[in-house]
Amino acid sequence: MTNYIEYTFIINPLHPGTEILIAELGSVGFESFVENEKGIAAYIQKTDWTETVLEDIYILKSNEFEISFSKKEIEQVNWNQEWEKNFTPIEVDGSCVVRAPFHKTFNVDFEIVIEPKMSFGTGHHETTFMMLQYILENKYSKKSVLDMGCGTAVLAILAKMKGATQVDAIDIDDWCVENSIENCNRNGCEDVNVILGDKGALPNKPKYHTIIANINRNILLNDMNQYVKSLKEKGEVYLSGFYLEDLSIIKNHCNTLGLTFVSNKESNNWVAAKFVY
């Protein structure tokens, strides 16, 4: 049985400090996170832990946040039990609910049942919530859709439920791919094509009517050229995972590639934006 090291972080201000810290910790081997009213609990396998594991976590050195933490070793964590204690249903604009199997059924047009486990994308985060809103606003009948950086595949599942004929979901993390396949099967979306990979898995010829990418600013900027190569004429691109102050940078880069800005949503300084080709 693998033991874990649990770090308990108290974060001020909570937002966007929580989101930034989770992203940074995930890049150095932390596997799971449980949010609370003061911050997060973060878990890393003892075999992956070193005394210097937090050395390159930039936010811990930032003057913009006050972050304190403690750590302890714990035995194997029952992740499903942890999620069951902390994961609450998310309702989006009265027509979509994202819930876990242990929650009651909701009377809405689109009900997505997921086991989030250690994957990102439950709908709680502002970026996922806004992307769900964008999908609800659009029609997908006879359209091909790409969910890039799919996490739990909740966005791919909703696009499929809304009538998309072909949906590909790609993630670089093998755990996310496994979790996405489980969630697609659980929601009757077995024909969603879940792929392990990065931008290298994308075609060089136009294939998608819609591309959804909820990742982060640097990856979006780096991969945008490949997204455009994979996008059909008059196709749409929905981007999120960045802050309001980054929107102008994203806009300018997209414009150089032939994408036109249409609109954006904002929540707690996080942004989702729509572009057309």
C-alpha atoms as a PDB file:
ATOM      1  CA  MET A   1       0.000   0.000   0.000  1.00  0.00           C
ATOM      2  CA  THR A   2       1.365   3.401  -1.014  1.00  0.00           C
ATOM      3  CA  ASN A   3       1.454   6.087   1.639  1.00  0.00           C
ATOM      4  CA  TYR A   4       0.921   9.731   0.783  1.00  0.00           C
ATOM      5  CA  ILE A   5       2.252  13.042   1.999  1.00  0.00           C
ATOM      6  CA  GLU A   6      -0.585  15.464   2.686  1.00  0.00           C
ATOM      7  CA  TYR A   7       0.051  19.204   2.572  1.00  0.00           C
ATOM      8  CA  THR A   8      -2.578  21.509   4.051  1.00  0.00           C
ATOM      9  CA  PHE A   9      -2.362  25.014   2.579  1.00  0.00           C
ATOM     10  CA  ILE A  10      -4.094  28.125   3.947  1.00  0.00           C
ATOM     11  CA  ILE A  11      -4.341  30.684   1.143  1.00  0.00           C
ATOM     12  CA  ASN A  12      -5.114  34.412   1.181  1.00  0.00           C
ATOM     13  CA  PRO A  13      -6.665  35.618  -1.055  1.00  0.00           C
ATOM     14  CA  LEU A  14      -8.378  32.317  -1.751  1.00  0.00           C
ATOM     15  CA  HIS A  15      -9.061  33.182  -5.408  1.00  0.00           C
ATOM     16  CA  PRO A  16      -7.180  33.045  -7.690  1.00  0.00           C
ATOM     17  CA  GLY A  17      -4.545  31.710  -5.263  1.00  0.00           C
ATOM     18  CA  THR A  18      -6.174  28.290  -5.027  1.00  0.00           C
ATOM     19  CA  GLU A  19      -6.276  27.767  -8.798  1.00  0.00           C
ATOM     20  CA  ILE A  20      -2.692  28.921  -9.308  1.00  0.00           C
ATOM     21  CA  LEU A  21      -1.350  26.753  -6.487  1.00  0.00           C
ATOM     22  CA  ILE A  22      -3.188  23.642  -7.740  1.00  0.00           C
ATOM     23  CA  ALA A  23      -1.782  24.141 -11.223  1.00  0.00           C
ATOM     24  CA  GLU A  24       1.766  24.548  -9.918  1.00  0.00           C
ATOM     25  CA  LEU A  25       1.556  21.603  -7.532  1.00  0.00           C
ATOM     26  CA  GLY A  26       0.176  19.393 -10.278  1.00  0.00           C
ATOM     27  CA  SER A  27       3.263  20.108 -12.377  1.00  0.00           C
ATOM     28  CA  VAL A  28       5.594  18.692  -9.697  1.00  0.00           C
ATOM     29  CA  GLY A  29       3.794  15.436  -8.959  1.00  0.00           C
ATOM     30  CA  PHE A  30       0.880  16.175  -6.629  1.00  0.00           C
ATOM     31  CA  GLU A  31      -1.959  13.861  -7.627  1.00  0.00           C
ATOM     32  CA  SER A  32      -5.103  15.118  -5.955  1.00  0.00           C
ATOM     33  CA  PHE A  33      -6.552  18.188  -4.311  1.00  0.00           C
ATOM     34  CA  VAL A  34      -9.458  18.804  -1.968  1.00  0.00           C
ATOM     35  CA  GLU A  35     -10.613  22.413  -1.688  1.00  0.00           C
ATOM     36  CA  ASN A  36     -12.018  23.882   1.526  1.00  0.00           C
ATOM     37  CA  GLU A  37     -13.048  27.278   2.879  1.00  0.00           C
ATOM     38  CA  LYS A  38      -9.475  28.234   3.784  1.00  0.00           C
ATOM     39  CA  GLY A  39      -7.425  26.658   0.994  1.00  0.00           C
ATOM     40  CA  ILE A  40      -6.603  23.128  -0.135  1.00  0.00           C
ATOM     41  CA  ALA A  41      -5.309  19.764   0.941  1.00  0.00           C
ATOM     42  CA  ALA A  42      -2.835  18.408  -1.627  1.00  0.00           C
ATOM     43  CA  TYR A  43      -1.563  14.851  -1.895  1.00  0.00           C
ATOM     44  CA  ILE A  44       1.609  13.346  -3.364  1.00  0.00           C
ATOM     45  CA  GLN A  45       2.821   9.747  -3.174  1.00  0.00           C
ATOM     46  CA  LYS A  46       5.608   9.319  -0.658  1.00  0.00           C
ATOM     47  CA  THR A  47       7.737   7.646  -3.328  1.00  0.00           C
ATOM     48  CA  ASP A  48       7.472  10.821  -5.469  1.00  0.00           C
ATOM     49  CA  TRP A  49       8.074  13.246  -2.609  1.00  0.00           C
ATOM     50  CA  THR A  50      11.366  14.987  -1.804  1.00  0.00           C
ATOM     51  CA  GLU A  51      12.325  17.633   0.751  1.00  0.00           C
ATOM     52  CA  THR A  52      12.651  20.153  -2.099  1.00  0.00           C
ATOM     53  CA  VAL A  53       9.323  19.390  -3.793  1.00  0.00           C
ATOM     54  CA  LEU A  54       8.011  22.928  -3.104  1.00  0.00           C
ATOM     55  CA  GLU A  55      11.222  24.683  -4.073  1.00  0.00           C
ATOM     56  CA  ASP A  56      10.039  25.752  -7.530  1.00  0.00           C
ATOM     57  CA  ILE A  57       6.443  26.641  -6.590  1.00  0.00           C
ATOM     58  CA  TYR A  58       6.440  30.294  -7.627  1.00  0.00           C
ATOM     59  CA  ILE A  59       3.243  31.371  -5.842  1.00  0.00           C
ATOM     60  CA  LEU A  60       4.769  30.469  -2.463  1.00  0.00           C
ATOM     61  CA  LYS A  61       7.367  33.201  -3.080  1.00  0.00           C
ATOM     62  CA  SER A  62       4.898  35.778  -4.411  1.00  0.00           C
ATOM     63  CA  ASN A  63       4.178  38.949  -2.431  1.00  0.00           C
ATOM     64  CA  GLU A  64       0.604  38.924  -3.782  1.00  0.00           C
ATOM     65  CA  PHE A  65      -0.443  35.959  -1.630  1.00  0.00           C
ATOM     66  CA  GLU A  66      -0.109  34.855   1.980  1.00  0.00           C
ATOM     67  CA  ILE A  67       0.229  31.071   2.059  1.00  0.00           C
ATOM     68  CA  SER A  68       1.072  28.889   5.029  1.00  0.00           C
ATOM     69  CA  PHE A  69       1.181  25.118   5.086  1.00  0.00           C
ATOM     70  CA  SER A  70       1.761  22.017   7.162  1.00  0.00           C
ATOM     71  CA  LYS A  71       2.427  18.436   6.086  1.00  0.00           C
ATOM     72  CA  LYS A  72       2.000  14.929   7.408  1.00  0.00           C
ATOM     73  CA  GLU A  73       2.274  11.373   6.166  1.00  0.00           C
ATOM     74  CA  ILE A  74      -0.965   9.460   5.773  1.00  0.00           C
ATOM     75  CA  GLU A  75      -1.905   5.976   4.684  1.00  0.00           C
ATOM     76  CA  GLN A  76      -3.528   5.165   1.337  1.00  0.00           C
ATOM     77  CA  VAL A  77      -6.324   7.662   0.655  1.00  0.00           C
ATOM     78  CA  ASN A  78      -9.765   6.487  -0.428  1.00  0.00           C
ATOM     79  CA  TRP A  79     -10.134   9.089  -3.188  1.00  0.00           C
ATOM     80  CA  ASN A  80     -13.751   8.206  -3.958  1.00  0.00           C
ATOM     81  CA  GLN A  81     -14.637   8.745  -0.304  1.00  0.00           C
ATOM     82  CA  GLU A  82     -12.811  12.092  -0.292  1.00  0.00           C
ATOM     83  CA  TRP A  83     -14.663  13.261  -3.402  1.00  0.00           C
ATOM     84  CA  GLU A  84     -17.990  12.053  -1.997  1.00  0.00           C
ATOM     85  CA  LYS A  85     -17.463  14.253   1.058  1.00  0.00           C
ATOM     86  CA  ASN A  86     -16.476  17.337  -0.944  1.00  0.00           C
ATOM     87  CA  PHE A  87     -18.038  17.141  -4.431  1.00  0.00           C
ATOM     88  CA  THR A  88     -21.413  18.889  -4.724  1.00  0.00           C
ATOM     89  CA  PRO A  89     -23.633  19.040  -7.851  1.00  0.00           C
ATOM     90  CA  ILE A  90     -23.181  21.993 -10.207  1.00  0.00           C
ATOM     91  CA  GLU A  91     -26.170  23.508 -11.994  1.00  0.00           C
ATOM     92  CA  VAL A  92     -25.485  25.607 -15.103  1.00  0.00           C
ATOM     93  CA  ASP A  93     -28.111  28.104 -16.251  1.00  0.00           C
ATOM     94  CA  GLY A  94     -31.001  25.877 -15.189  1.00  0.00           C
ATOM     95  CA  SER A  95     -30.539  23.420 -18.049  1.00  0.00           C
ATOM     96  CA  CYS A  96     -27.438  21.369 -17.186  1.00  0.00           C
ATOM     97  CA  VAL A  97     -26.297  19.625 -14.016  1.00  0.00           C
ATOM     98  CA  VAL A  98     -22.958  17.952 -13.389  1.00  0.00           C
ATOM     99  CA  ARG A  99     -23.222  15.500 -10.515  1.00  0.00           C
ATOM    100  CA  ALA A 100     -21.658  12.368  -9.082  1.00  0.00           C
ATOM    101  CA  PRO A 101     -23.368   8.943  -9.045  1.00  0.00           C
ATOM    102  CA  PHE A 102     -24.202   9.284  -5.354  1.00  0.00           C
ATOM    103  CA  HIS A 103     -26.223  12.501  -5.904  1.00  0.00           C
ATOM    104  CA  LYS A 104     -29.962  12.543  -6.569  1.00  0.00           C
ATOM    105  CA  THR A 105     -31.274  12.896 -10.124  1.00  0.00           C
ATOM    106  CA  PHE A 106     -32.108  16.395 -11.386  1.00  0.00           C
ATOM    107  CA  ASN A 107     -34.927  17.299 -13.768  1.00  0.00           C
ATOM    108  CA  VAL A 108     -32.913  19.243 -16.347  1.00  0.00           C
ATOM    109  CA  ASP A 109     -32.299  18.964 -20.094  1.00  0.00           C
ATOM    110  CA  PHE A 110     -28.721  17.733 -19.690  1.00  0.00           C
ATOM    111  CA  GLU A 111     -27.548  15.722 -16.709  1.00  0.00           C
ATOM    112  CA  ILE A 112     -23.895  14.639 -16.678  1.00  0.00           C
ATOM    113  CA  VAL A 113     -22.824  12.039 -14.138  1.00  0.00           C
ATOM    114  CA  ILE A 114     -19.086  11.864 -13.481  1.00  0.00           C
ATOM    115  CA  GLU A 115     -16.616  10.310 -11.074  1.00  0.00           C
ATOM    116  CA  PRO A 116     -14.080  13.152 -10.971  1.00  0.00           C
ATOM    117  CA  LYS A 117     -11.412  11.178  -9.082  1.00  0.00           C
ATOM    118  CA  MET A 118      -8.153  13.095  -9.579  1.00  0.00           C
ATOM    119  CA  SER A 119      -9.008  14.759 -12.906  1.00  0.00           C
ATOM    120  CA  PHE A 120      -9.620  18.459 -13.484  1.00  0.00           C
ATOM    121  CA  GLY A 121     -12.965  19.572 -14.874  1.00  0.00           C
ATOM    122  CA  THR A 122     -15.816  18.905 -12.494  1.00  0.00           C
ATOM    123  CA  GLY A 123     -17.562  22.150 -13.378  1.00  0.00           C
ATOM    124  CA  HIS A 124     -16.769  23.799 -10.050  1.00  0.00           C
ATOM    125  CA  HIS A 125     -13.906  25.809 -11.512  1.00  0.00           C
ATOM    126  CA  GLU A 126     -14.948  29.055 -13.191  1.00  0.00           C
ATOM    127  CA  THR A 127     -13.297  28.138 -16.499  1.00  0.00           C
ATOM    128  CA  THR A 128     -15.136  24.814 -16.854  1.00  0.00           C
ATOM    129  CA  PHE A 129     -18.415  26.433 -15.799  1.00  0.00           C
ATOM    130  CA  MET A 130     -18.104  29.172 -18.443  1.00  0.00           C
ATOM    131  CA  MET A 131     -17.215  26.653 -21.144  1.00  0.00           C
ATOM    132  CA  LEU A 132     -20.314  24.654 -20.228  1.00  0.00           C
ATOM    133  CA  GLN A 133     -22.303  27.861 -20.652  1.00  0.00           C
ATOM    134  CA  TYR A 134     -20.856  28.401 -24.128  1.00  0.00           C
ATOM    135  CA  ILE A 135     -21.719  24.840 -25.175  1.00  0.00           C
ATOM    136  CA  LEU A 136     -25.283  25.255 -23.915  1.00  0.00           C
ATOM    137  CA  GLU A 137     -25.660  28.386 -26.062  1.00  0.00           C
ATOM    138  CA  ASN A 138     -24.763  26.587 -29.302  1.00  0.00           C
ATOM    139  CA  LYS A 139     -26.086  23.867 -31.609  1.00  0.00           C
ATOM    140  CA  TYR A 140     -23.916  20.882 -32.485  1.00  0.00           C
ATOM    141  CA  SER A 141     -26.085  18.742 -34.738  1.00  0.00           C
ATOM    142  CA  LYS A 142     -23.970  17.237 -37.592  1.00  0.00           C
ATOM    143  CA  LYS A 143     -20.848  18.947 -36.242  1.00  0.00           C
ATOM    144  CA  SER A 144     -17.411  17.635 -35.298  1.00  0.00           C
ATOM    145  CA  VAL A 145     -16.016  18.809 -31.960  1.00  0.00           C
ATOM    146  CA  LEU A 146     -12.618  18.637 -30.278  1.00  0.00           C
ATOM    147  CA  ASP A 147     -12.240  18.907 -26.494  1.00  0.00           C
ATOM    148  CA  MET A 148      -8.528  19.677 -26.045  1.00  0.00           C
ATOM    149  CA  GLY A 149      -7.146  19.052 -22.552  1.00  0.00           C
ATOM    150  CA  CYS A 150     -10.358  17.217 -21.703  1.00  0.00           C
ATOM    151  CA  GLY A 151      -9.724  16.392 -18.014  1.00  0.00           C
ATOM    152  CA  THR A 152     -12.924  14.566 -17.027  1.00  0.00           C
ATOM    153  CA  ALA A 153     -14.382  14.965 -20.577  1.00  0.00           C
ATOM    154  CA  VAL A 154     -17.372  16.834 -19.161  1.00  0.00           C
ATOM    155  CA  LEU A 155     -17.264  19.345 -22.059  1.00  0.00           C
ATOM    156  CA  ALA A 156     -16.996  16.588 -24.676  1.00  0.00           C
ATOM    157  CA  ILE A 157     -19.920  14.766 -23.070  1.00  0.00           C
ATOM    158  CA  LEU A 158     -22.156  17.842 -23.163  1.00  0.00           C
ATOM    159  CA  ALA A 159     -21.251  18.523 -26.817  1.00  0.00           C
ATOM    160  CA  LYS A 160     -22.179  14.921 -27.652  1.00  0.00           C
ATOM    161  CA  MET A 161     -25.432  15.199 -25.708  1.00  0.00           C
ATOM    162  CA  LYS A 162     -26.222  18.320 -27.745  1.00  0.00           C
ATOM    163  CA  GLY A 163     -26.006  16.378 -30.990  1.00  0.00           C
ATOM    164  CA  ALA A 164     -22.385  16.476 -32.165  1.00  0.00           C
ATOM    165  CA  THR A 165     -21.820  13.618 -34.592  1.00  0.00           C
ATOM    166  CA  GLN A 166     -18.076  13.305 -33.971  1.00  0.00           C
ATOM    167  CA  VAL A 167     -16.334  14.229 -30.726  1.00  0.00           C
ATOM    168  CA  ASP A 168     -12.628  13.775 -29.978  1.00  0.00           C
ATOM    169  CA  ALA A 169     -11.315  14.340 -26.441  1.00  0.00           C
ATOM    170  CA  ILE A 170      -7.547  14.647 -25.952  1.00  0.00           C
ATOM    171  CA  ASP A 171      -5.475  14.876 -22.789  1.00  0.00           C
ATOM    172  CA  ILE A 172      -1.762  14.500 -22.073  1.00  0.00           C
ATOM    173  CA  ASP A 173      -2.401  12.750 -18.737  1.00  0.00           C
ATOM    174  CA  ASP A 174      -3.088   9.000 -18.847  1.00  0.00           C
ATOM    175  CA  TRP A 175      -5.162   9.214 -15.652  1.00  0.00           C
ATOM    176  CA  CYS A 176      -7.426  11.827 -17.273  1.00  0.00           C
ATOM    177  CA  VAL A 177      -7.805   9.641 -20.361  1.00  0.00           C
ATOM    178  CA  GLU A 178      -8.830   6.645 -18.242  1.00  0.00           C
ATOM    179  CA  ASN A 179     -11.253   8.777 -16.236  1.00  0.00           C
ATOM    180  CA  SER A 180     -12.675  10.369 -19.415  1.00  0.00           C
ATOM    181  CA  ILE A 181     -13.405   6.982 -20.964  1.00  0.00           C
ATOM    182  CA  GLU A 182     -15.215   5.895 -17.795  1.00  0.00           C
ATOM    183  CA  ASN A 183     -17.262   9.106 -17.708  1.00  0.00           C
ATOM    184  CA  CYS A 184     -18.177   8.906 -21.413  1.00  0.00           C
ATOM    185  CA  ASN A 185     -19.366   5.327 -20.982  1.00  0.00           C
ATOM    186  CA  ARG A 186     -21.313   6.254 -17.857  1.00  0.00           C
ATOM    187  CA  ASN A 187     -23.227   8.941 -19.790  1.00  0.00           C
ATOM    188  CA  GLY A 188     -24.034   6.899 -22.879  1.00  0.00           C
ATOM    189  CA  CYS A 189     -21.370   8.664 -24.959  1.00  0.00           C
ATOM    190  CA  GLU A 190     -19.261   5.599 -25.756  1.00  0.00           C
ATOM    191  CA  ASP A 191     -18.480   6.857 -29.248  1.00  0.00           C
ATOM    192  CA  VAL A 192     -16.551   9.887 -27.948  1.00  0.00           C
ATOM    193  CA  ASN A 193     -12.996   9.206 -29.104  1.00  0.00           C
ATOM    194  CA  VAL A 194     -10.690   9.712 -26.105  1.00  0.00           C
ATOM    195  CA  ILE A 195      -7.024  10.104 -27.060  1.00  0.00           C
ATOM    196  CA  LEU A 196      -3.819  10.245 -25.005  1.00  0.00           C
ATOM    197  CA  GLY A 197      -1.602  12.983 -26.423  1.00  0.00           C
ATOM    198  CA  ASP A 198      -0.925  16.657 -27.033  1.00  0.00           C
ATOM    199  CA  LYS A 199      -1.153  18.880 -30.115  1.00  0.00           C
ATOM    200  CA  GLY A 200       0.818  16.243 -32.010  1.00  0.00           C
ATOM    201  CA  ALA A 201      -2.325  14.098 -32.027  1.00  0.00           C
ATOM    202  CA  LEU A 202      -4.205  16.716 -34.065  1.00  0.00           C
ATOM    203  CA  PRO A 203      -4.671  16.491 -37.836  1.00  0.00           C
ATOM    204  CA  ASN A 204      -2.963  18.950 -40.181  1.00  0.00           C
ATOM    205  CA  LYS A 205      -6.065  19.174 -42.357  1.00  0.00           C
ATOM    206  CA  PRO A 206      -9.362  20.833 -41.359  1.00  0.00           C
ATOM    207  CA  LYS A 207     -11.471  18.384 -39.381  1.00  0.00           C
ATOM    208  CA  TYR A 208     -13.403  20.159 -36.640  1.00  0.00           C
ATOM    209  CA  HIS A 209     -16.311  22.591 -36.737  1.00  0.00           C
ATOM    210  CA  THR A 210     -15.669  23.475 -33.086  1.00  0.00           C
ATOM    211  CA  ILE A 211     -12.552  23.333 -30.920  1.00  0.00           C
ATOM    212  CA  ILE A 212     -12.845  23.687 -27.141  1.00  0.00           C
ATOM    213  CA  ALA A 213      -9.596  24.218 -25.210  1.00  0.00           C
ATOM    214  CA  ASN A 214      -9.666  24.857 -21.469  1.00  0.00           C
ATOM    215  CA  ILE A 215      -5.972  24.630 -20.590  1.00  0.00           C
ATOM    216  CA  ASN A 216      -3.755  27.620 -19.716  1.00  0.00           C
ATOM    217  CA  ARG A 217      -2.381  30.692 -21.448  1.00  0.00           C
ATOM    218  CA  ASN A 218       1.052  29.387 -22.378  1.00  0.00           C
ATOM    219  CA  ILE A 219      -0.190  26.126 -23.871  1.00  0.00           C
ATOM    220  CA  LEU A 220      -2.932  27.952 -25.779  1.00  0.00           C
ATOM    221  CA  LEU A 221      -0.413  30.367 -27.286  1.00  0.00           C
ATOM    222  CA  ASN A 222       1.976  27.555 -28.133  1.00  0.00           C
ATOM    223  CA  ASP A 223      -0.651  25.254 -29.682  1.00  0.00           C
ATOM    224  CA  MET A 224      -2.968  27.761 -31.388  1.00  0.00           C
ATOM    225  CA  ASN A 225      -1.378  27.394 -34.796  1.00  0.00           C
ATOM    226  CA  GLN A 226      -2.134  23.658 -34.742  1.00  0.00           C
ATOM    227  CA  TYR A 227      -5.722  24.305 -33.649  1.00  0.00           C
ATOM    228  CA  VAL A 228      -6.230  26.550 -36.680  1.00  0.00           C
ATOM    229  CA  LYS A 229      -4.806  23.885 -39.005  1.00  0.00           C
ATOM    230  CA  SER A 230      -7.368  21.442 -37.608  1.00  0.00           C
ATOM    231  CA  LEU A 231     -10.325  23.853 -37.873  1.00  0.00           C
ATOM    232  CA  LYS A 232     -12.839  23.915 -40.714  1.00  0.00           C
ATOM    233  CA  GLU A 233     -13.644  27.179 -42.499  1.00  0.00           C
ATOM    234  CA  LYS A 234     -16.103  29.270 -40.460  1.00  0.00           C
ATOM    235  CA  GLY A 235     -15.288  27.055 -37.500  1.00  0.00           C
ATOM    236  CA  GLU A 236     -15.414  28.224 -33.891  1.00  0.00           C
ATOM    237  CA  VAL A 237     -12.796  28.130 -31.153  1.00  0.00           C
ATOM    238  CA  TYR A 238     -13.602  28.451 -27.454  1.00  0.00           C
ATOM    239  CA  LEU A 239     -10.671  29.137 -25.144  1.00  0.00           C
ATOM    240  CA  SER A 240     -10.328  29.319 -21.378  1.00  0.00           C
ATOM    241  CA  GLY A 241      -7.843  28.776 -18.582  1.00  0.00           C
ATOM    242  CA  PHE A 242      -6.411  32.292 -18.446  1.00  0.00           C
ATOM    243  CA  TYR A 243      -6.994  35.579 -16.634  1.00  0.00           C
ATOM    244  CA  LEU A 244      -8.656  38.789 -17.788  1.00  0.00           C
ATOM    245  CA  GLU A 245      -5.297  40.543 -18.098  1.00  0.00           C
ATOM    246  CA  ASP A 246      -4.207  37.843 -20.573  1.00  0.00           C
ATOM    247  CA  LEU A 247      -7.187  38.316 -22.895  1.00  0.00           C
ATOM    248  CA  SER A 248      -5.497  40.959 -25.059  1.00  0.00           C
ATOM    249  CA  ILE A 249      -2.477  38.676 -25.552  1.00  0.00           C
ATOM    250  CA  ILE A 250      -4.747  35.781 -26.552  1.00  0.00           C
ATOM    251  CA  LYS A 251      -6.739  38.057 -28.891  1.00  0.00           C
ATOM    252  CA  ASN A 252      -3.669  39.414 -30.656  1.00  0.00           C
ATOM    253  CA  HIS A 253      -2.191  35.980 -31.188  1.00  0.00           C
ATOM    254  CA  CYS A 254      -5.469  34.579 -32.499  1.00  0.00           C
ATOM    255  CA  ASN A 255      -5.852  37.511 -34.893  1.00  0.00           C
ATOM    256  CA  THR A 256      -2.446  36.824 -36.454  1.00  0.00           C
ATOM    257  CA  LEU A 257      -3.669  33.305 -37.252  1.00  0.00           C
ATOM    258  CA  GLY A 258      -6.895  34.448 -38.893  1.00  0.00           C
ATOM    259  CA  LEU A 259      -9.233  34.043 -35.921  1.00  0.00           C
ATOM    260  CA  THR A 260     -11.728  36.814 -35.123  1.00  0.00           C
ATOM    261  CA  PHE A 261     -12.748  37.579 -31.542  1.00  0.00           C
ATOM    262  CA  VAL A 262     -16.515  37.329 -30.942  1.00  0.00           C
ATOM    263  CA  SER A 263     -17.174  37.496 -27.202  1.00  0.00           C
ATOM    264  CA  ASN A 264     -15.943  36.542 -23.762  1.00  0.00           C
ATOM    265  CA  LYS A 265     -17.249  35.632 -20.334  1.00  0.00           C
ATOM    266  CA  GLU A 266     -15.617  36.540 -17.039  1.00  0.00           C
ATOM    267  CA  SER A 267     -15.835  35.067 -13.536  1.00  0.00           C
ATOM    268  CA  ASN A 268     -13.514  35.891 -10.618  1.00  0.00           C
ATOM    269  CA  ASN A 269     -10.950  37.277 -13.092  1.00  0.00           C
ATOM    270  CA  TRP A 270     -10.992  34.043 -15.127  1.00  0.00           C
ATOM    271  CA  VAL A 271     -12.001  34.331 -18.800  1.00  0.00           C
ATOM    272  CA  ALA A 272     -13.560  32.184 -21.512  1.00  0.00           C
ATOM    273  CA  ALA A 273     -13.529  33.562 -25.051  1.00  0.00           C
ATOM    274  CA  LYS A 274     -15.089  32.735 -28.421  1.00  0.00           C
ATOM    275  CA  PHE A 275     -13.344  33.135 -31.785  1.00  0.00           C
ATOM    276  CA  VAL A 276     -14.400  32.298 -35.359  1.00  0.00           C
ATOM    277  CA  TYR A 277     -12.252  31.364 -38.326  1.00  0.00           C
END
